[in-house]
């Protein structure tokens, strides 16, 4: 938190509670308190519970805890954990999600109220140089300085802003709309404030409260840039005190920045609305103070903690009662324990009874035994029939003994009956899948098998490769060659890279079984 205090120029923004709401003012570091932060700043933790979305996750999932961390260090998600200090079972759950301010849903509505009195704004571009009524004012320098103020990034998507200026009357210069409408150019020129001699600060604040009131936003803020005084300071004191209560009841944060012009009187009455307003001496200081306000408003991020840790099978007590929870940042506790009602009620799902397994397992074993017997136990072969008894043949001259025959030759059927041609009697027949029992005739030479062209045999099998394998046909027979497939090629349940096929071989490619048929 020390870095946070330094970023604000050794100024911290503290909350002053009044009338049931919060009114924020700037005070020197160390001048306010509350919470358990360190290093000159305060870490505030807000916790809420969130029921799991039935449409997005299983109903049996535990609710989650959403944490808003205000003024905390920007560390990685795994540096944040949540636990219950008084729990009998020690349990610490690490955050599972982290979102920055602009990723959240806490839209803001900002009312920027600026003094529009002619001499405070300046008229040097209108009055001649020798005019005694010529004043430089702050407008030109302020428009340049405000180039560094990122109003467009001051809130998440849907945030709004309004610009109000006041002189003798209060005027809505930029209507309530998207924050990007609040630009330096929206302040206008010196001509827009010429001849406005009043200092109706109270009317400007009243107008801002009326503009912020009906806006739907998670957070509302008013930034008043003034000289601290009103046309009627005595009447303004009571009016501002009343507006302070009204703002607190509406939960509107109010920040005040005082810049004294050449004709501004001493003292201020704005402290009846904001106890410790910030006083600056230049347009650059005004922009710096506004940036500090926006930084303070956006100095928050959001964490998600699971309500149940599935790894340890432990979780927080979702019993509908109030429990004191503590967020730990790195190794240190953040602030004080936060009382949170652990609702909705939830309990881990009980393991289901597995009694049915006592019935299913024996049945499965019996079926497996029957299948195994049918597959692996061969039926006994019948006894061979006795050879018939030859009748005796009448005696006669003994026949001449036949001459021994030469070695037998294998005859292969060719395309045109030519014995020297390639065999044409090779087929593949899928036994399962979408191509079951189709007949694929093998080509002479090489036949490619895969899931798509240029394969010659196309099989619709998601577990096969595009060019899974090929079968080479030659006068010597058929040879299967694997094409470097992902799942390999199998012949008779044996993985092969190259295999000489014989009739009735079973080829397995992916999840498809094919029967090889041939005549040779």
Protein backbone atom coordinates (compact mmCIF):
# COMPACT_ATOMS: atom_id res chain seq x y z
CA UNK A 1 0.00 0.00 0.00
CA UNK A 2 3.04 2.26 0.23
CA UNK A 3 3.12 2.48 -3.58
CA UNK A 4 -0.53 3.51 -3.56
CA UNK A 5 0.18 6.40 -1.18
CA UNK A 6 3.14 7.51 -3.30
CA UNK A 7 1.04 7.37 -6.47
CA UNK A 8 -1.37 9.84 -4.92
CA UNK A 9 1.47 12.21 -4.10
CA UNK A 10 1.46 11.18 -0.43
CA UNK A 11 -2.27 11.87 -0.28
CA UNK A 12 -4.74 9.20 0.73
CA UNK A 13 -8.48 9.30 0.20
CA UNK A 14 -10.41 8.21 3.26
CA UNK A 15 -14.07 7.63 3.84
CA UNK A 16 -16.02 9.87 6.19
CA UNK A 17 -19.26 8.22 7.26
CA UNK A 18 -22.26 10.45 7.64
CA UNK A 19 -26.00 10.10 7.30
CA UNK A 20 -25.77 6.43 6.33
CA UNK A 21 -23.58 7.03 3.23
CA UNK A 22 -20.00 7.73 2.26
CA UNK A 23 -18.50 11.14 1.41
CA UNK A 24 -14.89 10.99 0.27
CA UNK A 25 -12.39 13.78 0.82
CA UNK A 26 -8.66 14.16 0.41
CA UNK A 27 -6.59 14.43 3.57
CA UNK A 28 -2.85 14.08 4.27
CA UNK A 29 -1.62 10.50 4.54
CA UNK A 30 -2.13 9.08 7.99
CA UNK A 31 -4.99 11.45 8.70
CA UNK A 32 -7.69 8.79 8.42
CA UNK A 33 -8.14 5.25 9.52
CA UNK A 34 -10.15 2.10 9.46
CA UNK A 35 -9.27 -1.36 8.22
CA UNK A 36 -6.08 -3.32 8.49
CA UNK A 37 -3.88 -2.08 5.66
CA UNK A 38 -0.26 -1.03 5.99
CA UNK A 39 2.28 1.33 4.49
CA UNK A 40 0.10 4.45 4.64
CA UNK A 41 -2.96 3.01 2.86
CA UNK A 42 -6.02 0.95 3.64
CA UNK A 43 -7.06 -2.32 1.99
CA UNK A 44 -10.81 -2.75 1.95
CA UNK A 45 -12.40 -6.13 1.26
CA UNK A 46 -16.03 -6.71 0.29
CA UNK A 47 -17.41 -10.25 -0.07
CA UNK A 48 -20.57 -11.59 -1.66
CA UNK A 49 -21.77 -15.08 -2.53
CA UNK A 50 -22.85 -16.19 -5.98
CA UNK A 51 -24.91 -19.27 -6.79
CA UNK A 52 -23.71 -21.38 -9.70
CA UNK A 53 -25.51 -20.73 -12.96
CA UNK A 54 -27.56 -23.85 -13.58
CA UNK A 55 -27.37 -23.28 -17.32
CA UNK A 56 -23.59 -23.03 -17.34
CA UNK A 57 -22.41 -25.50 -14.71
CA UNK A 58 -23.56 -28.61 -12.97
CA UNK A 59 -26.14 -27.99 -10.28
CA UNK A 60 -24.09 -29.95 -7.77
CA UNK A 61 -21.22 -27.40 -7.97
CA UNK A 62 -20.79 -25.26 -4.86
CA UNK A 63 -21.58 -21.52 -4.84
CA UNK A 64 -18.63 -19.16 -5.25
CA UNK A 65 -17.44 -16.13 -3.31
CA UNK A 66 -16.87 -12.88 -5.17
CA UNK A 67 -14.36 -10.52 -3.51
CA UNK A 68 -13.88 -6.82 -4.25
CA UNK A 69 -10.42 -5.63 -3.19
CA UNK A 70 -10.08 -1.86 -2.82
CA UNK A 71 -6.63 -0.31 -2.46
CA UNK A 72 -4.84 -3.66 -2.59
CA UNK A 73 -1.56 -4.50 -4.36
CA UNK A 74 -1.83 -5.75 -7.93
CA UNK A 75 -0.47 -9.29 -7.59
CA UNK A 76 -1.01 -12.49 -9.62
CA UNK A 77 -4.20 -14.45 -9.00
CA UNK A 78 -2.47 -17.28 -7.11
CA UNK A 79 -1.31 -14.83 -4.42
CA UNK A 80 -4.87 -14.46 -3.09
CA UNK A 81 -6.63 -16.94 -0.81
CA UNK A 82 -9.61 -17.02 1.54
CA UNK A 83 -10.09 -18.87 4.82
CA UNK A 84 -12.18 -18.94 7.98
CA UNK A 85 -9.97 -18.02 10.97
CA UNK A 86 -12.24 -19.73 13.53
CA UNK A 87 -12.81 -22.94 11.56
CA UNK A 88 -12.09 -26.23 13.33
CA UNK A 89 -10.75 -27.66 10.05
CA UNK A 90 -7.95 -25.45 8.61
CA UNK A 91 -8.73 -24.70 4.98
CA UNK A 92 -7.37 -22.10 2.58
CA UNK A 93 -8.82 -21.76 -0.93
CA UNK A 94 -6.92 -19.97 -3.70
CA UNK A 95 -8.62 -17.59 -6.13
CA UNK A 96 -9.53 -19.05 -9.53
CA UNK A 97 -10.25 -15.79 -11.39
CA UNK A 98 -9.16 -12.15 -11.23
CA UNK A 99 -10.63 -9.17 -13.11
CA UNK A 100 -9.51 -5.57 -13.13
CA UNK A 101 -11.80 -2.61 -12.55
CA UNK A 102 -12.83 -2.07 -16.16
CA UNK A 103 -13.74 -5.78 -16.47
CA UNK A 104 -16.18 -5.53 -13.59
CA UNK A 105 -19.83 -4.57 -13.51
CA UNK A 106 -19.61 -1.66 -11.05
CA UNK A 107 -20.52 1.12 -13.45
CA UNK A 108 -19.95 4.69 -12.28
CA UNK A 109 -21.70 8.00 -12.82
CA UNK A 110 -19.49 11.08 -12.47
CA UNK A 111 -20.64 14.70 -12.24
CA UNK A 112 -17.85 17.19 -12.93
CA UNK A 113 -18.79 20.62 -11.51
CA UNK A 114 -16.52 23.52 -12.60
CA UNK A 115 -16.53 27.21 -11.69
CA UNK A 116 -17.72 29.17 -14.73
CA UNK A 117 -17.16 32.72 -13.44
CA UNK A 118 -15.59 34.95 -16.11
CA UNK A 119 -12.58 36.14 -14.09
CA UNK A 120 -11.89 32.59 -12.81
CA UNK A 121 -12.08 31.14 -16.34
CA UNK A 122 -10.22 34.05 -18.00
CA UNK A 123 -11.04 36.58 -20.71
CA UNK A 124 -7.63 37.51 -22.15
CA UNK A 125 -8.70 36.32 -25.61
CA UNK A 126 -11.66 38.73 -25.54
CA UNK A 127 -10.60 41.85 -23.59
CA UNK A 128 -7.91 44.09 -25.13
CA UNK A 129 -4.44 43.99 -23.62
CA UNK A 130 -4.76 47.43 -22.05
CA UNK A 131 -8.13 46.67 -20.45
CA UNK A 132 -8.11 46.73 -16.61
CA UNK A 133 -10.78 43.98 -16.75
CA UNK A 134 -8.50 41.57 -18.58
CA UNK A 135 -7.70 38.34 -16.68
CA UNK A 136 -5.74 35.28 -17.82
CA UNK A 137 -7.80 32.81 -15.84
CA UNK A 138 -7.38 29.04 -15.73
CA UNK A 139 -9.35 27.74 -18.74
CA UNK A 140 -6.57 27.57 -21.35
CA UNK A 141 -4.12 25.83 -19.02
CA UNK A 142 -6.84 23.54 -17.67
CA UNK A 143 -7.85 22.32 -21.13
CA UNK A 144 -4.22 21.42 -21.84
CA UNK A 145 -3.74 19.72 -18.47
CA UNK A 146 -6.96 17.71 -18.78
CA UNK A 147 -5.53 15.99 -21.87
CA UNK A 148 -3.84 13.64 -19.37
CA UNK A 149 -7.07 12.80 -17.52
CA UNK A 150 -8.54 9.51 -18.88
CA UNK A 151 -12.24 10.05 -18.22
CA UNK A 152 -13.01 7.42 -20.87
CA UNK A 153 -11.29 4.77 -18.71
CA UNK A 154 -12.74 5.95 -15.42
CA UNK A 155 -15.30 3.15 -15.29
CA UNK A 156 -16.45 -0.13 -16.86
CA UNK A 157 -18.60 -0.24 -19.97
CA UNK A 158 -21.89 1.57 -19.39
CA UNK A 159 -20.45 4.24 -17.09
CA UNK A 160 -21.71 7.82 -17.55
CA UNK A 161 -20.67 11.40 -16.92
CA UNK A 162 -22.08 14.94 -16.91
CA UNK A 163 -20.36 18.34 -16.98
CA UNK A 164 -21.92 21.26 -15.05
CA UNK A 165 -20.58 24.79 -15.02
CA UNK A 166 -21.80 27.66 -12.88
CA UNK A 167 -21.51 31.42 -12.84
CA UNK A 168 -24.56 33.40 -11.82
CA UNK A 169 -26.57 30.25 -12.67
CA UNK A 170 -25.79 26.53 -13.00
CA UNK A 171 -25.76 25.00 -16.49
CA UNK A 172 -25.50 21.45 -17.83
CA UNK A 173 -22.72 21.92 -20.38
CA UNK A 174 -22.40 18.21 -21.32
CA UNK A 175 -25.55 16.13 -20.67
CA UNK A 176 -25.37 12.85 -18.79
CA UNK A 177 -23.97 10.30 -21.26
CA UNK A 178 -20.94 8.11 -22.00
CA UNK A 179 -17.78 9.05 -20.12
CA UNK A 180 -15.91 9.66 -23.38
CA UNK A 181 -18.04 12.79 -23.81
CA UNK A 182 -16.10 14.43 -20.96
CA UNK A 183 -13.20 15.88 -22.93
CA UNK A 184 -11.15 19.08 -22.52
CA UNK A 185 -12.87 20.56 -25.60
CA UNK A 186 -16.25 20.08 -23.92
CA UNK A 187 -15.31 22.94 -21.54
CA UNK A 188 -15.78 25.35 -24.46
CA UNK A 189 -14.00 28.70 -24.86
CA UNK A 190 -13.73 31.95 -22.91
CA UNK A 191 -16.65 33.30 -24.91
CA UNK A 192 -18.94 30.72 -23.29
CA UNK A 193 -18.21 32.29 -19.86
CA UNK A 194 -17.94 35.95 -20.82
CA UNK A 195 -19.95 38.35 -18.63
CA UNK A 196 -20.78 35.63 -16.08
CA UNK A 197 -19.97 37.42 -12.87
CA UNK A 198 -21.78 35.31 -10.29
CA UNK A 199 -20.32 32.49 -8.19
CA UNK A 200 -23.34 30.22 -7.61
CA UNK A 201 -21.37 27.17 -6.44
CA UNK A 202 -24.33 25.89 -4.37
CA UNK A 203 -26.53 25.87 -7.47
CA UNK A 204 -23.89 23.87 -9.36
CA UNK A 205 -23.75 21.25 -6.59
CA UNK A 206 -27.55 21.15 -6.41
CA UNK A 207 -27.70 20.59 -10.18
CA UNK A 208 -25.13 17.78 -9.93
CA UNK A 209 -27.13 16.00 -7.22
CA UNK A 210 -30.26 16.19 -9.34
CA UNK A 211 -28.40 14.78 -12.36
CA UNK A 212 -26.83 11.90 -10.41
CA UNK A 213 -30.00 10.96 -8.54
CA UNK A 214 -31.95 9.07 -11.25
CA UNK A 215 -28.90 7.46 -12.89
CA UNK A 216 -28.60 3.68 -12.48
CA UNK A 217 -24.99 3.04 -11.50
CA UNK A 218 -23.20 0.99 -8.88
CA UNK A 219 -21.16 4.00 -7.76
CA UNK A 220 -21.72 7.74 -8.06
CA UNK A 221 -19.24 10.56 -7.60
CA UNK A 222 -19.12 14.35 -7.81
CA UNK A 223 -15.91 16.30 -8.44
CA UNK A 224 -16.21 20.03 -7.65
CA UNK A 225 -13.51 22.34 -9.06
CA UNK A 226 -14.06 25.78 -7.51
CA UNK A 227 -12.51 28.67 -5.60
CA UNK A 228 -14.19 27.42 -2.39
CA UNK A 229 -16.73 30.23 -2.15
CA UNK A 230 -20.29 31.05 -3.13
CA UNK A 231 -21.97 34.35 -3.98
CA UNK A 232 -23.63 34.18 -0.52
CA UNK A 233 -21.28 32.30 1.79
CA UNK A 234 -23.42 32.62 4.89
CA UNK A 235 -26.48 31.06 3.26
CA UNK A 236 -24.26 28.50 1.51
CA UNK A 237 -23.01 26.98 4.78
CA UNK A 238 -26.38 25.57 5.79
CA UNK A 239 -27.26 24.56 2.24
CA UNK A 240 -23.98 22.66 1.78
CA UNK A 241 -24.41 20.87 5.12
CA UNK A 242 -27.85 19.72 3.96
CA UNK A 243 -26.46 18.57 0.60
CA UNK A 244 -23.77 16.61 2.43
CA UNK A 245 -26.46 14.55 4.17
CA UNK A 246 -28.39 14.18 0.92
CA UNK A 247 -25.27 12.90 -0.88
CA UNK A 248 -24.48 10.49 1.95
CA UNK A 249 -28.01 9.07 1.85
CA UNK A 250 -27.69 8.59 -1.93
CA UNK A 251 -24.20 7.09 -1.48
CA UNK A 252 -22.58 9.75 -3.66
CA UNK A 253 -18.84 10.29 -3.17
CA UNK A 254 -17.89 13.98 -3.24
CA UNK A 255 -14.42 15.37 -3.98
CA UNK A 256 -13.51 19.06 -3.84
CA UNK A 257 -10.54 20.85 -5.48
CA UNK A 258 -9.95 24.55 -4.70
CA UNK A 259 -8.12 26.85 -7.11
CA UNK A 260 -8.02 30.54 -6.19
CA UNK A 261 -8.36 33.00 -9.09
CA UNK A 262 -7.06 36.58 -9.19
CA UNK A 263 -10.22 38.00 -7.60
CA UNK A 264 -11.14 35.02 -5.39
CA UNK A 265 -11.70 35.87 -1.74
CA UNK A 266 -9.89 34.12 1.09
CA UNK A 267 -11.34 31.15 2.99
CA UNK A 268 -13.94 28.73 1.75
CA UNK A 269 -17.35 27.31 2.54
CA UNK A 270 -16.96 24.11 0.51
CA UNK A 271 -15.62 22.47 3.67
CA UNK A 272 -19.21 22.33 4.89
CA UNK A 273 -19.71 19.74 2.14
CA UNK A 274 -16.24 18.18 2.02
CA UNK A 275 -14.37 18.44 5.34
CA UNK A 276 -10.84 18.61 3.88
CA UNK A 277 -10.89 19.86 0.28
CA UNK A 278 -7.69 19.84 -1.78
CA UNK A 279 -6.16 23.26 -2.52
CA UNK A 280 -3.95 23.62 -5.62
CA UNK A 281 -2.04 26.44 -7.28
CA UNK A 282 -2.10 25.65 -11.00
CA UNK A 283 -4.14 24.09 -13.78
CA UNK A 284 -1.71 21.17 -13.85
CA UNK A 285 -2.41 20.56 -10.15
CA UNK A 286 -6.16 20.52 -10.87
CA UNK A 287 -5.65 17.79 -13.50
CA UNK A 288 -3.36 15.86 -11.17
CA UNK A 289 -5.96 15.97 -8.40
CA UNK A 290 -8.71 14.80 -10.75
CA UNK A 291 -6.47 11.93 -11.89
CA UNK A 292 -5.94 11.02 -8.24
CA UNK A 293 -9.69 10.90 -7.70
CA UNK A 294 -10.18 8.65 -10.75
CA UNK A 295 -7.26 6.45 -9.63
CA UNK A 296 -8.85 6.07 -6.20
CA UNK A 297 -12.19 5.16 -7.74
CA UNK A 298 -10.59 2.56 -10.04
CA UNK A 299 -8.15 1.24 -7.44
CA UNK A 300 -10.04 -2.02 -7.10
CA UNK A 301 -10.19 -5.45 -8.67
CA UNK A 302 -12.34 -8.53 -8.34
CA UNK A 303 -11.55 -12.12 -7.34
CA UNK A 304 -13.51 -15.35 -7.53
CA UNK A 305 -13.00 -18.05 -4.91
CA UNK A 306 -14.55 -21.54 -5.30
CA UNK A 307 -16.77 -22.57 -2.43
CA UNK A 308 -15.45 -26.12 -2.48
CA UNK A 309 -11.99 -27.51 -3.20
CA UNK A 310 -12.44 -30.73 -5.18
CA UNK A 311 -8.76 -31.68 -4.81
CA UNK A 312 -8.84 -31.78 -1.02
CA UNK A 313 -12.56 -32.63 -0.91
CA UNK A 314 -12.98 -29.77 1.58
CA UNK A 315 -14.97 -26.57 1.35
CA UNK A 316 -16.43 -23.62 3.20
CA UNK A 317 -19.51 -24.18 5.38
CA UNK A 318 -22.55 -23.41 3.22
CA UNK A 319 -25.01 -23.65 6.08
CA UNK A 320 -26.91 -20.37 5.64
CA UNK A 321 -25.25 -18.87 8.74
CA UNK A 322 -22.91 -15.91 9.17
CA UNK A 323 -19.21 -16.81 9.15
CA UNK A 324 -16.16 -14.58 9.60
CA UNK A 325 -13.95 -14.92 6.50
CA UNK A 326 -10.50 -13.50 5.90
CA UNK A 327 -8.79 -12.74 2.58
CA UNK A 328 -5.04 -13.24 2.54
CA UNK A 329 -2.94 -11.26 0.04
CA UNK A 330 0.32 -13.09 -0.51
CA UNK A 331 1.21 -13.92 3.12
CA UNK A 332 -0.63 -11.11 4.91
CA UNK A 333 -4.26 -10.77 5.99
CA UNK A 334 -6.13 -7.99 4.18
CA UNK A 335 -8.06 -5.80 6.60
CA UNK A 336 -10.33 -7.41 9.16
CA UNK A 337 -12.47 -10.56 9.00
CA UNK A 338 -15.57 -10.01 6.86
CA UNK A 339 -18.92 -11.35 8.14
CA UNK A 340 -20.60 -13.22 5.28
CA UNK A 341 -23.86 -15.17 5.23
CA UNK A 342 -22.98 -18.51 3.63
CA UNK A 343 -26.04 -18.87 1.43
CA UNK A 344 -27.52 -20.54 -0.49
CA UNK A 345 -27.29 -23.70 1.54
CA UNK A 346 -25.19 -26.37 -0.17
CA UNK A 347 -23.58 -29.70 0.68
CA UNK A 348 -21.20 -31.87 -1.32
CA UNK A 349 -23.03 -34.56 -3.33
CA UNK A 350 -22.99 -37.94 -1.58
CA UNK A 351 -21.41 -40.87 -3.45
CA UNK A 352 -24.05 -43.00 -5.13
CA UNK A 353 -24.63 -46.60 -4.07
CA UNK A 354 -22.97 -49.19 -6.32
CA UNK A 355 -25.09 -52.18 -5.29
CA UNK A 356 -25.95 -52.88 -8.90
CA UNK A 357 -22.31 -53.75 -9.59
CA UNK A 358 -22.79 -56.96 -7.59
CA UNK A 359 -25.30 -58.03 -10.26
CA UNK A 360 -23.61 -56.64 -13.34
CA UNK A 361 -20.07 -57.91 -12.69
CA UNK A 362 -21.01 -61.63 -12.39
CA UNK A 363 -23.16 -61.36 -15.52
CA UNK A 364 -20.30 -59.76 -17.44
CA UNK A 365 -17.90 -62.50 -16.29
CA UNK A 366 -20.32 -65.23 -17.41
CA UNK A 367 -20.71 -63.59 -20.83
CA UNK A 368 -16.93 -63.24 -21.20
CA UNK A 369 -16.43 -66.90 -20.36
CA UNK A 370 -19.01 -67.97 -22.94
CA UNK A 371 -17.43 -65.77 -25.61
CA UNK A 372 -13.95 -67.06 -24.77
CA UNK A 373 -15.09 -70.67 -25.05
CA UNK A 374 -16.63 -70.04 -28.46
CA UNK A 375 -13.56 -68.22 -29.73
CA UNK A 376 -10.71 -70.29 -28.38
CA UNK A 377 -12.03 -73.80 -27.75
CA UNK A 378 -12.16 -75.74 -31.06
CA UNK A 379 -14.78 -78.48 -31.43
CA UNK A 380 -13.43 -82.04 -31.56
CA UNK A 381 -12.93 -83.35 -35.11
CA UNK A 382 -14.94 -86.43 -36.20
CA UNK A 383 -13.17 -89.78 -36.54
CA UNK A 384 -12.03 -90.44 -40.12
CA UNK A 385 -14.11 -92.92 -42.12
CA UNK A 386 -12.39 -96.30 -42.74
CA UNK A 387 -10.95 -96.82 -46.20
CA UNK A 388 -13.16 -99.07 -48.36
CA UNK A 389 -11.90 -102.61 -48.91
CA UNK A 390 -10.81 -103.07 -52.51
CA UNK A 391 -12.16 -106.12 -54.28
CA UNK A 392 -9.52 -108.47 -55.61
CA UNK A 393 -8.71 -108.07 -59.31
CA UNK A 394 -8.36 -111.02 -61.63
CA UNK A 395 -4.79 -112.04 -62.27
CA UNK A 396 -3.30 -110.86 -65.51
CA UNK A 397 -0.20 -109.38 -66.89
CA UNK A 398 1.23 -106.74 -64.64
CA UNK A 399 0.77 -103.23 -66.05
CA UNK A 400 3.80 -101.27 -67.00
CA UNK A 401 4.95 -98.98 -64.20
CA UNK A 402 4.31 -95.30 -65.02
CA UNK A 403 7.25 -93.08 -65.66
CA UNK A 404 8.03 -90.59 -62.89
CA UNK A 405 6.44 -87.16 -63.61
CA UNK A 406 8.44 -83.94 -63.51
CA UNK A 407 7.90 -81.18 -60.88
CA UNK A 408 4.37 -79.62 -60.87
CA UNK A 409 4.02 -75.95 -61.93
CA UNK A 410 1.77 -73.30 -60.28
CA UNK A 411 -0.65 -71.90 -62.85
CA UNK A 412 -1.85 -68.27 -62.31
CA UNK A 413 -4.97 -67.03 -64.08
CA UNK A 414 -4.20 -63.87 -66.08
CA UNK A 415 -6.28 -61.03 -67.48
CA UNK A 416 -6.56 -62.57 -70.90
CA UNK A 417 -5.94 -66.15 -69.95
CA UNK A 418 -2.23 -65.57 -70.35
CA UNK A 419 -0.30 -67.59 -67.79
CA UNK A 420 2.41 -64.90 -67.65
CA UNK A 421 -0.03 -62.06 -66.74
CA UNK A 422 -0.66 -60.54 -63.27
CA UNK A 423 -3.25 -62.32 -61.13
CA UNK A 424 -6.68 -60.64 -61.09
CA UNK A 425 -8.23 -62.72 -58.36
CA UNK A 426 -7.60 -60.46 -55.33
CA UNK A 427 -10.35 -58.70 -53.30
CA UNK A 428 -10.88 -56.83 -50.04
CA UNK A 429 -14.21 -57.14 -48.25
CA UNK A 430 -14.87 -54.84 -45.18
CA UNK A 431 -16.57 -56.76 -42.39
CA UNK A 432 -17.81 -53.73 -40.44
CA UNK A 433 -18.29 -49.95 -40.68
CA UNK A 434 -20.10 -47.93 -43.33
CA UNK A 435 -18.48 -49.91 -46.16
CA UNK A 436 -19.35 -53.33 -44.68
CA UNK A 437 -19.56 -56.16 -47.23
CA UNK A 438 -18.64 -54.03 -50.23
CA UNK A 439 -16.22 -55.77 -52.57
CA UNK A 440 -13.09 -53.91 -53.56
CA UNK A 441 -11.12 -55.50 -56.40
CA UNK A 442 -7.35 -55.12 -56.14
CA UNK A 443 -5.51 -53.51 -59.03
CA UNK A 444 -2.51 -54.92 -60.81
CA UNK A 445 0.57 -53.31 -59.42
CA UNK A 446 -0.17 -51.30 -56.26
CA UNK A 447 -3.60 -50.61 -54.72
CA UNK A 448 -3.62 -47.68 -52.22
CA UNK A 449 -6.03 -47.86 -49.28
CA UNK A 450 -7.03 -44.76 -47.26
CA UNK A 451 -9.82 -42.38 -46.25
CA UNK A 452 -9.83 -40.13 -49.32
CA UNK A 453 -8.45 -39.65 -52.80
CA UNK A 454 -5.90 -40.43 -54.24
CA UNK A 455 -6.48 -43.77 -52.47
CA UNK A 456 -7.85 -46.49 -54.77
CA UNK A 457 -9.88 -48.07 -51.99
CA UNK A 458 -11.60 -45.36 -49.88
CA UNK A 459 -12.80 -46.44 -46.42
CA UNK A 460 -14.83 -44.05 -44.22
CA UNK A 461 -12.99 -44.62 -40.93
CA UNK A 462 -11.89 -41.73 -38.71
CA UNK A 463 -9.10 -43.87 -37.23
CA UNK A 464 -7.44 -44.50 -40.61
CA UNK A 465 -4.87 -42.29 -42.33
CA UNK A 466 -5.38 -40.62 -45.70
CA UNK A 467 -2.96 -43.11 -47.34
CA UNK A 468 -2.98 -45.83 -44.73
CA UNK A 469 -1.31 -48.65 -46.67
CA UNK A 470 -1.06 -50.31 -50.08
CA UNK A 471 -1.25 -53.87 -51.40
CA UNK A 472 1.28 -54.72 -54.08
CA UNK A 473 0.23 -57.37 -56.60
CA UNK A 474 2.88 -59.29 -58.55
CA UNK A 475 3.28 -62.74 -60.09
CA UNK A 476 4.65 -63.88 -56.74
CA UNK A 477 1.50 -62.90 -54.81
CA UNK A 478 0.08 -60.05 -52.72
CA UNK A 479 2.13 -58.00 -50.21
CA UNK A 480 0.65 -55.43 -47.75
CA UNK A 481 2.93 -52.44 -47.05
CA UNK A 482 2.04 -49.91 -44.30
CA UNK A 483 2.18 -46.29 -45.49
CA UNK A 484 3.44 -44.81 -42.20
CA UNK A 485 -0.09 -44.67 -40.81
CA UNK A 486 -0.86 -43.19 -37.40
CA UNK A 487 -2.57 -46.27 -35.93
CA UNK A 488 -0.67 -48.91 -37.88
CA UNK A 489 -1.72 -51.88 -40.02
CA UNK A 490 -2.59 -55.28 -38.57
CA UNK A 491 -2.83 -58.71 -40.20
CA UNK A 492 -4.52 -61.36 -38.09
CA UNK A 493 -4.23 -59.06 -35.02
CA UNK A 494 -0.48 -58.63 -35.50
CA UNK A 495 0.97 -55.20 -36.31
CA UNK A 496 3.01 -55.31 -39.50
CA UNK A 497 4.90 -52.92 -41.71
CA UNK A 498 5.18 -55.40 -44.59
CA UNK A 499 3.39 -58.73 -44.88
CA UNK A 500 2.77 -61.35 -47.56
CA UNK A 501 -0.95 -62.01 -47.66
CA UNK A 502 -2.63 -65.38 -48.05
CA UNK A 503 -6.24 -66.17 -48.70
CA UNK A 504 -8.66 -65.46 -45.77
CA UNK A 505 -6.22 -63.17 -43.94
CA UNK A 506 -7.99 -60.60 -41.74
CA UNK A 507 -6.60 -57.07 -42.17
CA UNK A 508 -7.36 -54.40 -39.54
CA UNK A 509 -6.97 -50.74 -40.56
CA UNK A 510 -8.15 -48.22 -37.93
CA UNK A 511 -11.36 -49.76 -36.61
CA UNK A 512 -12.25 -51.52 -39.88
CA UNK A 513 -11.71 -55.26 -40.33
CA UNK A 514 -11.29 -56.46 -43.94
CA UNK A 515 -11.18 -60.01 -45.30
CA UNK A 516 -8.57 -60.72 -48.00
CA UNK A 517 -9.68 -63.13 -50.70
CA UNK A 518 -7.53 -64.42 -53.55
CA UNK A 519 -7.07 -67.22 -56.03
CA UNK A 520 -3.51 -67.97 -57.10
